[in-house]
N, C-alpha and C. Protein backbone atom coordinates (compact mmCIF):
# COMPACT_ATOMS: atom_id res chain seq x y z
N MET A 1 19.06 -22.35 5.93
CA MET A 1 18.98 -21.94 4.54
C MET A 1 20.40 -21.63 4.07
N SER A 2 20.74 -22.09 2.90
CA SER A 2 22.09 -21.91 2.37
C SER A 2 22.30 -20.49 1.84
N HIS A 3 23.56 -20.17 1.66
CA HIS A 3 23.95 -18.87 1.11
C HIS A 3 23.31 -18.67 -0.27
N GLN A 4 23.30 -19.72 -1.06
CA GLN A 4 22.72 -19.65 -2.41
C GLN A 4 21.21 -19.41 -2.36
N SER A 5 20.54 -20.05 -1.41
CA SER A 5 19.10 -19.86 -1.27
C SER A 5 18.77 -18.43 -0.85
N LEU A 6 19.60 -17.86 0.00
CA LEU A 6 19.39 -16.48 0.43
C LEU A 6 19.52 -15.52 -0.75
N HIS A 7 20.53 -15.75 -1.59
CA HIS A 7 20.70 -14.91 -2.78
C HIS A 7 19.53 -15.08 -3.74
N ALA A 8 19.06 -16.31 -3.89
CA ALA A 8 17.91 -16.56 -4.77
C ALA A 8 16.69 -15.81 -4.26
N GLN A 9 16.48 -15.82 -2.95
CA GLN A 9 15.34 -15.12 -2.38
C GLN A 9 15.49 -13.61 -2.53
N ASP A 10 16.72 -13.10 -2.39
CA ASP A 10 16.97 -11.67 -2.59
C ASP A 10 16.61 -11.24 -4.01
N PHE A 11 17.02 -12.05 -5.00
CA PHE A 11 16.69 -11.72 -6.39
C PHE A 11 15.18 -11.80 -6.63
N LEU A 12 14.53 -12.76 -6.01
CA LEU A 12 13.08 -12.88 -6.15
C LEU A 12 12.38 -11.66 -5.54
N ASN A 13 12.84 -11.23 -4.38
CA ASN A 13 12.27 -10.04 -3.75
C ASN A 13 12.50 -8.80 -4.61
N ALA A 14 13.69 -8.67 -5.19
CA ALA A 14 13.98 -7.53 -6.08
C ALA A 14 13.04 -7.55 -7.28
N TYR A 15 12.81 -8.74 -7.85
CA TYR A 15 11.87 -8.88 -8.97
C TYR A 15 10.49 -8.36 -8.58
N LYS A 16 10.00 -8.78 -7.42
CA LYS A 16 8.65 -8.38 -6.99
C LYS A 16 8.56 -6.87 -6.80
N ILE A 17 9.58 -6.27 -6.20
CA ILE A 17 9.58 -4.83 -5.97
C ILE A 17 9.60 -4.08 -7.30
N LEU A 18 10.49 -4.49 -8.21
CA LEU A 18 10.58 -3.82 -9.51
C LEU A 18 9.30 -3.99 -10.32
N LYS A 19 8.71 -5.17 -10.26
CA LYS A 19 7.46 -5.42 -10.98
C LYS A 19 6.35 -4.50 -10.46
N ASP A 20 6.24 -4.40 -9.13
CA ASP A 20 5.22 -3.52 -8.55
C ASP A 20 5.49 -2.06 -8.89
N SER A 21 6.76 -1.67 -8.88
CA SER A 21 7.13 -0.29 -9.21
C SER A 21 6.77 0.03 -10.66
N ASN A 22 7.07 -0.89 -11.56
CA ASN A 22 6.75 -0.68 -12.98
C ASN A 22 5.23 -0.58 -13.18
N LYS A 23 4.49 -1.44 -12.49
CA LYS A 23 3.03 -1.42 -12.61
C LYS A 23 2.47 -0.08 -12.12
N ALA A 24 2.99 0.40 -11.00
CA ALA A 24 2.53 1.69 -10.45
C ALA A 24 2.86 2.83 -11.41
N LEU A 25 4.05 2.78 -12.03
CA LEU A 25 4.44 3.83 -12.97
C LEU A 25 3.53 3.82 -14.20
N ILE A 26 3.20 2.64 -14.69
CA ILE A 26 2.30 2.53 -15.84
C ILE A 26 0.93 3.10 -15.49
N GLU A 27 0.42 2.73 -14.32
CA GLU A 27 -0.90 3.21 -13.91
C GLU A 27 -0.89 4.73 -13.72
N ARG A 28 0.19 5.26 -13.17
CA ARG A 28 0.29 6.70 -12.94
C ARG A 28 0.35 7.46 -14.27
N ASN A 29 0.98 6.85 -15.29
CA ASN A 29 1.16 7.53 -16.57
C ASN A 29 0.00 7.31 -17.55
N GLU A 30 -0.92 6.42 -17.22
CA GLU A 30 -2.05 6.18 -18.12
C GLU A 30 -2.87 7.46 -18.26
N GLY A 31 -3.21 7.78 -19.46
CA GLY A 31 -4.03 8.93 -19.72
C GLY A 31 -3.27 10.24 -19.81
N ARG A 32 -1.96 10.21 -19.53
CA ARG A 32 -1.18 11.43 -19.66
C ARG A 32 -0.86 11.68 -21.12
N GLU A 33 -0.67 12.90 -21.44
CA GLU A 33 -0.33 13.27 -22.81
C GLU A 33 1.02 12.67 -23.18
N GLN A 34 1.12 12.16 -24.38
CA GLN A 34 2.36 11.54 -24.82
C GLN A 34 3.13 12.48 -25.73
N ASN A 35 4.45 12.32 -25.76
CA ASN A 35 5.28 13.16 -26.62
C ASN A 35 5.31 12.59 -28.03
N GLU A 36 6.09 13.17 -28.90
CA GLU A 36 6.11 12.76 -30.31
C GLU A 36 6.59 11.33 -30.53
N TYR A 37 7.27 10.75 -29.53
CA TYR A 37 7.78 9.38 -29.67
C TYR A 37 6.83 8.36 -29.06
N GLY A 38 5.68 8.80 -28.60
CA GLY A 38 4.71 7.87 -28.04
C GLY A 38 5.00 7.52 -26.59
N GLN A 39 5.89 8.27 -25.94
CA GLN A 39 6.22 8.00 -24.55
C GLN A 39 5.46 8.95 -23.64
N ALA A 40 5.13 8.49 -22.46
CA ALA A 40 4.49 9.36 -21.48
C ALA A 40 5.51 10.39 -21.01
N ALA A 41 5.05 11.34 -20.25
CA ALA A 41 5.90 12.45 -19.82
C ALA A 41 7.17 11.99 -19.10
N TYR A 42 7.11 10.89 -18.41
CA TYR A 42 8.28 10.40 -17.67
C TYR A 42 9.17 9.49 -18.50
N GLY A 43 8.84 9.29 -19.75
CA GLY A 43 9.66 8.44 -20.60
C GLY A 43 9.33 6.97 -20.40
N LYS A 44 10.24 6.14 -20.88
CA LYS A 44 10.06 4.70 -20.75
C LYS A 44 10.27 4.28 -19.31
N LEU A 45 9.84 3.08 -19.00
CA LEU A 45 10.03 2.58 -17.64
C LEU A 45 11.52 2.47 -17.32
N PRO A 46 11.96 3.03 -16.22
CA PRO A 46 13.39 3.02 -15.90
C PRO A 46 13.91 1.64 -15.57
N ALA A 47 13.05 0.74 -15.12
CA ALA A 47 13.52 -0.58 -14.70
C ALA A 47 13.06 -1.69 -15.64
N MET A 48 12.59 -1.34 -16.82
CA MET A 48 12.06 -2.34 -17.73
C MET A 48 13.14 -3.36 -18.10
N GLY A 49 12.86 -4.60 -17.91
CA GLY A 49 13.79 -5.67 -18.24
C GLY A 49 14.64 -6.10 -17.06
N ILE A 50 14.95 -5.18 -16.17
CA ILE A 50 15.77 -5.53 -15.02
C ILE A 50 15.02 -6.49 -14.11
N ASP A 51 13.71 -6.32 -14.00
CA ASP A 51 12.93 -7.23 -13.17
C ASP A 51 13.01 -8.67 -13.70
N ILE A 52 12.98 -8.83 -15.01
CA ILE A 52 13.05 -10.17 -15.60
C ILE A 52 14.42 -10.79 -15.36
N VAL A 53 15.48 -9.99 -15.42
CA VAL A 53 16.83 -10.49 -15.14
C VAL A 53 16.92 -10.98 -13.70
N CYS A 54 16.35 -10.22 -12.77
CA CYS A 54 16.35 -10.64 -11.37
C CYS A 54 15.59 -11.96 -11.20
N LEU A 55 14.47 -12.08 -11.89
CA LEU A 55 13.70 -13.33 -11.83
C LEU A 55 14.51 -14.50 -12.40
N ALA A 56 15.20 -14.27 -13.51
CA ALA A 56 16.02 -15.33 -14.11
C ALA A 56 17.14 -15.77 -13.18
N PHE A 57 17.81 -14.81 -12.53
CA PHE A 57 18.86 -15.16 -11.57
C PHE A 57 18.27 -15.96 -10.40
N SER A 58 17.11 -15.56 -9.94
CA SER A 58 16.46 -16.27 -8.84
C SER A 58 16.17 -17.71 -9.21
N VAL A 59 15.60 -17.90 -10.40
CA VAL A 59 15.29 -19.27 -10.86
C VAL A 59 16.57 -20.09 -10.97
N GLU A 60 17.63 -19.51 -11.55
CA GLU A 60 18.89 -20.23 -11.70
C GLU A 60 19.45 -20.65 -10.34
N LEU A 61 19.44 -19.73 -9.39
CA LEU A 61 19.99 -20.05 -8.06
C LEU A 61 19.14 -21.07 -7.33
N HIS A 62 17.82 -21.01 -7.50
CA HIS A 62 16.97 -22.03 -6.89
C HIS A 62 17.24 -23.41 -7.52
N LEU A 63 17.43 -23.45 -8.83
CA LEU A 63 17.75 -24.72 -9.49
C LEU A 63 19.09 -25.27 -9.02
N LYS A 64 20.08 -24.39 -8.83
CA LYS A 64 21.38 -24.83 -8.33
C LYS A 64 21.26 -25.39 -6.91
N GLU A 65 20.44 -24.74 -6.10
CA GLU A 65 20.23 -25.23 -4.73
C GLU A 65 19.54 -26.58 -4.76
N LEU A 66 18.56 -26.75 -5.62
CA LEU A 66 17.89 -28.04 -5.76
C LEU A 66 18.89 -29.10 -6.20
N HIS A 67 19.74 -28.76 -7.15
CA HIS A 67 20.78 -29.68 -7.61
C HIS A 67 21.71 -30.08 -6.47
N ARG A 68 22.07 -29.10 -5.64
CA ARG A 68 22.96 -29.38 -4.51
C ARG A 68 22.29 -30.31 -3.50
N VAL A 69 21.01 -30.08 -3.23
CA VAL A 69 20.29 -30.90 -2.27
C VAL A 69 20.15 -32.34 -2.77
N VAL A 70 19.85 -32.49 -4.05
CA VAL A 70 19.62 -33.83 -4.61
C VAL A 70 20.93 -34.61 -4.81
N THR A 71 21.96 -33.94 -5.34
CA THR A 71 23.20 -34.65 -5.69
C THR A 71 24.31 -34.49 -4.66
N GLY A 72 24.22 -33.43 -3.86
CA GLY A 72 25.30 -33.17 -2.90
C GLY A 72 26.44 -32.36 -3.48
N ALA A 73 26.38 -32.07 -4.77
CA ALA A 73 27.43 -31.30 -5.43
C ALA A 73 26.87 -29.95 -5.85
N THR A 74 27.65 -28.90 -5.63
CA THR A 74 27.22 -27.56 -6.03
C THR A 74 27.74 -27.24 -7.42
N PRO A 75 26.84 -26.98 -8.37
CA PRO A 75 27.29 -26.62 -9.72
C PRO A 75 27.96 -25.24 -9.70
N SER A 76 28.89 -25.03 -10.62
CA SER A 76 29.59 -23.74 -10.67
C SER A 76 29.23 -23.04 -11.97
N GLY A 77 29.38 -21.71 -11.96
CA GLY A 77 29.06 -20.94 -13.15
C GLY A 77 27.61 -21.11 -13.53
N HIS A 78 27.33 -21.17 -14.82
CA HIS A 78 25.96 -21.35 -15.30
C HIS A 78 25.71 -22.81 -15.67
N ASN A 79 26.61 -23.68 -15.26
CA ASN A 79 26.51 -25.10 -15.56
C ASN A 79 25.65 -25.79 -14.50
N ILE A 80 24.39 -26.07 -14.84
CA ILE A 80 23.48 -26.70 -13.88
C ILE A 80 23.35 -28.17 -14.22
């Protein structure tokens, strides 16, 4: 497995962990009294959006690895 594939898998694993954490926080806060801003006692989700960024990085790195396997050339930057 290439270095790029390992990083892609790391980002995918981070996405899964953050997604599960956010889901658990939502379930734990359901039914709790909300403050004047409509937020539960613990506020907004601390990792909201970060999970999607991790997923996007994972997809990008997997696409780059696919590009490398098919063409033999590794794209640089965000140029796929």
